[in-house]
Amino acid sequence: MTRIPVLEIPVDDPETARIAAAHADRLEVCRDLEAEGLTPTPEFLAGIIEASRVDGRRPEIAVVFQEIPPPDDRRVVGPSDFAGRPRDLERLEALAPAFAEAGAGSIVLGFVDDFGYPDVESVSAAVSIVERHGMRIAFHRAFDLAADPVRAVERLIELGVDRTLAAGSSGYDASSATMEDRVARIGIAAEAIGDREFAIVPCGGVRSTNAAQFAVVTPHVHASCRRRPSAFELGGFDEEEAAALRRCVHPD
């Protein structure tokens, strides 16, 4: 099955949402993007959605569910940082109705087991919770903690997950992987999908200057489109970059 290409932009404030909505197919709403994105409140989500309406339309809306941020040093991020806890599922159960009512189409989370693979029990429970409210589950870049991306893809499909982000690195830190290796790893995962309804969405430093490399293996893109004053901080939203990525994802 071939999905329509999607440009997904994460946002954590209404003004960025307003600007990004003119270019994005999907907005990923979170709190504190610099902390990898944390769970927003339903009220915050509703404000973002209202701000993202452009000429009577708005992009699809995904909501991050991440209660505790991973360590700032991506080199030390491991499976324990994304363990699915009973209180997380209780929190998701409490928030899901309000997120759905506000207009969210999916919830983005990343529960993994001790070996870095999607946690069967926690993810299955999350899928059940959100499907009762007409939403889908998407997996975030904790996907990269799995040693075998094909096995991780197969598990997510079996669990009924809609899509996953992937930087294409072996682990959470993509800075040490070459672009060629990242694209190759994502390509292996994408090939495993076959004609099933699932998507791999590249993330982690995707820009208009390298989007064409990822497009060889998957048509989707996740990018913050932020200026970077340094390697360790995000700057303001770069609308020119968002427009350029839009052209990459939708060239016609």
Protein backbone atom coordinates (compact mmCIF):
# COMPACT_ATOMS: atom_id res chain seq x y z
CA MET A 1 0.00 0.00 0.00
CA THR A 2 1.38 3.41 -1.00
CA ARG A 3 0.49 6.22 1.37
CA ILE A 4 0.25 9.86 0.38
CA PRO A 5 3.54 11.56 1.37
CA VAL A 6 3.36 13.45 4.66
CA LEU A 7 5.36 16.38 5.98
CA GLU A 8 5.07 16.29 9.77
CA ILE A 9 6.24 19.25 11.84
CA PRO A 10 6.47 19.16 15.65
CA VAL A 11 5.23 22.31 17.40
CA ASP A 12 5.13 23.46 21.01
CA ASP A 13 3.58 26.93 20.77
CA PRO A 14 0.57 28.46 19.00
CA GLU A 15 2.50 30.96 16.87
CA THR A 16 4.73 28.24 15.40
CA ALA A 17 1.63 26.12 14.81
CA ARG A 18 0.00 28.98 12.91
CA ILE A 19 2.99 29.38 10.59
CA ALA A 20 3.75 25.68 10.22
CA ALA A 21 0.14 24.82 9.37
CA ALA A 22 0.51 26.45 5.97
CA HIS A 23 3.17 23.86 5.05
CA ALA A 24 2.57 20.73 7.15
CA ASP A 25 0.30 17.80 6.40
CA ARG A 26 0.45 16.87 10.07
CA LEU A 27 1.41 18.79 13.21
CA GLU A 28 2.86 16.86 16.12
CA VAL A 29 1.81 18.80 19.21
CA CYS A 30 3.98 18.65 22.31
CA ARG A 31 5.21 20.64 25.27
CA ASP A 32 8.91 21.55 25.48
CA LEU A 33 10.30 20.48 22.13
CA GLU A 34 13.86 20.97 23.37
CA ALA A 35 13.26 18.15 25.85
CA GLU A 36 12.30 15.86 22.94
CA GLY A 37 8.62 16.75 23.44
CA LEU A 38 6.45 16.15 26.50
CA THR A 39 2.73 15.53 26.97
CA PRO A 40 0.69 18.73 26.53
CA THR A 41 -2.49 19.47 28.44
CA PRO A 42 -5.81 19.18 26.59
CA GLU A 43 -6.22 22.95 26.95
CA PHE A 44 -2.83 23.58 25.35
CA LEU A 45 -3.69 21.16 22.55
CA ALA A 46 -6.96 22.94 21.90
CA GLY A 47 -5.12 26.27 21.64
CA ILE A 48 -2.64 24.83 19.15
CA ILE A 49 -5.43 23.39 17.04
CA GLU A 50 -7.27 26.69 16.98
CA ALA A 51 -4.09 28.52 15.98
CA SER A 52 -3.40 26.04 13.20
CA ARG A 53 -6.55 26.72 11.20
CA VAL A 54 -5.62 28.30 7.87
CA ASP A 55 -8.36 29.41 5.46
CA GLY A 56 -10.85 27.10 7.11
CA ARG A 57 -8.60 24.04 7.12
CA ARG A 58 -5.95 22.63 9.41
CA PRO A 59 -3.39 19.83 9.22
CA GLU A 60 -3.90 16.43 10.78
CA ILE A 61 -3.05 16.54 14.49
CA ALA A 62 -0.86 14.11 16.43
CA VAL A 63 -0.19 14.50 20.16
CA VAL A 64 2.99 13.47 21.95
CA PHE A 65 2.53 11.34 25.05
CA GLN A 66 5.85 11.41 26.90
CA GLU A 67 5.62 11.98 30.65
CA ILE A 68 9.34 11.98 31.49
CA PRO A 69 12.01 13.40 29.15
CA PRO A 70 14.93 11.18 28.16
CA PRO A 71 18.45 12.25 29.22
CA ASP A 72 19.85 15.29 27.43
CA ASP A 73 22.87 13.22 26.38
CA ARG A 74 21.44 11.03 23.64
CA ARG A 75 24.43 8.71 23.86
CA VAL A 76 23.20 7.36 27.20
CA VAL A 77 19.51 7.04 26.33
CA GLY A 78 18.40 3.44 26.72
CA PRO A 79 15.32 1.22 26.98
CA SER A 80 14.71 2.05 30.65
CA ASP A 81 14.04 5.68 29.65
CA PHE A 82 10.98 4.55 27.67
CA ALA A 83 9.61 1.78 29.86
CA GLY A 84 5.83 1.59 29.88
CA ARG A 85 4.61 2.07 33.45
CA PRO A 86 1.11 1.39 34.82
CA ARG A 87 0.75 5.05 35.82
CA ASP A 88 1.52 6.10 32.23
CA LEU A 89 -1.35 3.99 30.93
CA GLU A 90 -3.63 5.39 33.63
CA ARG A 91 -2.63 8.89 32.56
CA LEU A 92 -3.22 8.05 28.89
CA GLU A 93 -6.64 6.65 29.76
CA ALA A 94 -7.48 9.92 31.49
CA LEU A 95 -6.24 12.19 28.70
CA ALA A 96 -7.38 10.28 25.61
CA PRO A 97 -11.03 11.46 25.62
CA ALA A 98 -10.04 15.12 25.86
CA PHE A 99 -7.38 14.77 23.17
CA ALA A 100 -9.88 13.14 20.84
CA GLU A 101 -12.52 15.76 21.56
CA ALA A 102 -10.02 18.53 20.80
CA GLY A 103 -9.38 17.02 17.36
CA ALA A 104 -6.33 14.76 17.65
CA GLY A 105 -6.08 11.90 15.19
CA SER A 106 -3.21 10.03 16.81
CA ILE A 107 -1.11 9.74 19.96
CA VAL A 108 2.67 9.44 19.65
CA LEU A 109 4.47 7.35 22.26
CA GLY A 110 7.38 4.96 22.58
CA PHE A 111 7.04 2.20 25.18
CA VAL A 112 9.87 -0.33 24.78
CA ASP A 113 10.93 -3.47 26.63
CA ASP A 114 14.28 -4.21 28.26
CA PHE A 115 15.79 -5.03 24.85
CA GLY A 116 14.63 -1.85 23.08
CA TYR A 117 11.77 -3.44 21.14
CA PRO A 118 8.18 -2.15 21.31
CA ASP A 119 6.73 -3.43 24.57
CA VAL A 120 3.89 -5.78 23.69
CA GLU A 121 1.82 -5.34 26.84
CA SER A 122 2.10 -1.55 27.15
CA VAL A 123 1.71 -0.73 23.46
CA SER A 124 -1.21 -3.13 23.09
CA ALA A 125 -2.94 -1.46 26.04
CA ALA A 126 -2.26 2.00 24.55
CA VAL A 127 -3.69 0.98 21.17
CA SER A 128 -6.83 -0.31 22.89
CA ILE A 129 -7.24 2.92 24.86
CA VAL A 130 -6.91 5.33 21.94
CA GLU A 131 -8.90 3.25 19.45
CA ARG A 132 -11.90 3.49 21.75
CA HIS A 133 -11.77 7.23 21.09
CA GLY A 134 -11.27 7.00 17.32
CA MET A 135 -7.51 7.67 17.32
CA ARG A 136 -4.41 5.74 16.31
CA ILE A 137 -1.06 5.09 17.97
CA ALA A 138 2.19 6.25 16.38
CA PHE A 139 5.61 5.26 17.72
CA HIS A 140 8.37 7.80 18.26
CA ARG A 141 12.11 7.46 17.74
CA ALA A 142 12.54 5.03 20.62
CA PHE A 143 12.09 2.71 17.64
CA ASP A 144 15.81 3.18 16.99
CA LEU A 145 16.69 1.38 20.23
CA ALA A 146 15.74 -1.95 18.63
CA ALA A 147 18.77 -3.80 17.26
CA ASP A 148 16.73 -5.31 14.43
CA PRO A 149 14.46 -2.72 12.75
CA VAL A 150 12.61 -5.39 10.78
CA ARG A 151 11.63 -7.23 13.93
CA ALA A 152 10.51 -3.91 15.45
CA VAL A 153 8.39 -3.09 12.39
CA GLU A 154 6.75 -6.50 12.45
CA ARG A 155 5.88 -6.11 16.11
CA LEU A 156 4.37 -2.65 15.65
CA ILE A 157 2.25 -3.83 12.73
CA GLU A 158 1.04 -6.82 14.75
CA LEU A 159 0.11 -4.49 17.61
CA GLY A 160 -1.96 -2.25 15.33
CA VAL A 161 0.33 0.80 15.40
CA ASP A 162 -0.11 3.27 12.54
CA ARG A 163 3.48 4.43 11.92
CA THR A 164 6.85 5.05 13.51
CA LEU A 165 9.47 7.76 13.51
CA ALA A 166 13.01 6.59 12.81
CA ALA A 167 16.31 8.43 12.63
CA GLY A 168 17.96 5.38 11.10
CA SER A 169 20.59 5.12 13.80
CA SER A 170 21.51 2.13 15.91
CA GLY A 171 20.43 3.70 19.18
CA TYR A 172 18.96 7.06 20.12
CA ASP A 173 22.00 9.12 19.12
CA ALA A 174 22.07 9.67 15.37
CA SER A 175 25.11 11.97 15.36
CA SER A 176 27.63 9.17 14.97
CA ALA A 177 25.86 7.48 12.06
CA THR A 178 26.56 8.47 8.46
CA MET A 179 23.68 9.63 6.30
CA GLU A 180 24.22 6.61 4.06
CA ASP A 181 23.93 4.23 7.01
CA ARG A 182 20.82 6.00 8.32
CA VAL A 183 19.05 5.84 4.97
CA ALA A 184 20.04 2.19 4.53
CA ARG A 185 18.67 1.23 7.95
CA ILE A 186 15.38 3.05 7.33
CA GLY A 187 15.21 1.42 3.91
CA ILE A 188 15.50 -2.04 5.45
CA ALA A 189 12.63 -1.24 7.80
CA ALA A 190 10.51 0.28 5.04
CA GLU A 191 11.02 -2.70 2.75
CA ALA A 192 9.70 -5.00 5.47
CA ILE A 193 6.34 -3.22 5.40
CA GLY A 194 5.46 -4.52 1.95
CA ASP A 195 1.91 -3.55 0.99
CA ARG A 196 0.69 -3.33 4.59
CA GLU A 197 -0.78 -0.14 6.03
CA PHE A 198 2.16 1.19 8.02
CA ALA A 199 4.63 4.04 7.53
CA ILE A 200 8.22 4.86 8.42
CA VAL A 201 8.75 8.60 8.96
CA PRO A 202 12.40 9.75 8.95
CA CYS A 203 13.39 12.18 11.70
CA GLY A 204 16.50 13.50 13.43
CA GLY A 205 18.01 16.39 11.54
CA VAL A 206 15.99 16.01 8.35
CA ARG A 207 16.38 19.16 6.23
CA SER A 208 15.54 20.20 2.70
CA THR A 209 19.22 19.63 1.86
CA ASN A 210 19.08 15.92 2.70
CA ALA A 211 15.38 15.07 2.31
CA ALA A 212 15.96 13.65 -1.18
CA GLN A 213 18.20 10.94 0.30
CA PHE A 214 15.44 9.75 2.62
CA ALA A 215 12.86 9.99 -0.17
CA VAL A 216 14.57 7.09 -1.92
CA VAL A 217 13.25 4.73 0.77
CA THR A 218 10.14 6.48 2.15
CA PRO A 219 8.17 9.56 1.05
CA HIS A 220 7.45 10.88 4.56
CA VAL A 221 9.37 13.49 6.59
CA HIS A 222 9.37 14.64 10.22
CA ALA A 223 11.28 17.89 10.74
CA SER A 224 11.20 20.72 13.27
CA CYS A 225 12.28 23.29 10.63
CA ARG A 226 14.08 25.25 13.34
CA ARG A 227 17.10 27.46 13.01
CA ARG A 228 19.99 26.12 15.07
CA PRO A 229 22.10 28.77 16.82
CA SER A 230 24.32 25.89 17.97
CA ALA A 231 24.39 22.11 17.94
CA PHE A 232 22.77 22.08 21.37
CA GLU A 233 19.82 24.45 21.04
CA LEU A 234 16.85 25.13 18.80
CA GLY A 235 16.21 28.55 17.34
CA GLY A 236 13.04 30.05 15.93
CA PHE A 237 10.88 28.44 13.29
CA ASP A 238 12.29 28.77 9.78
CA GLU A 239 9.36 29.18 7.41
CA GLU A 240 11.60 29.15 4.35
CA GLU A 241 12.90 25.74 5.40
CA ALA A 242 9.35 24.51 5.96
CA ALA A 243 8.37 25.68 2.48
CA ALA A 244 11.45 24.03 0.97
CA LEU A 245 10.65 20.75 2.71
CA ARG A 246 7.08 21.01 1.50
CA ARG A 247 8.38 21.19 -2.06
CA CYS A 248 10.59 18.15 -1.41
CA VAL A 249 7.70 16.07 -0.08
CA HIS A 250 5.13 17.36 -2.58
CA PRO A 251 7.11 18.32 -5.71
CA ASP A 252 4.06 18.65 -7.96
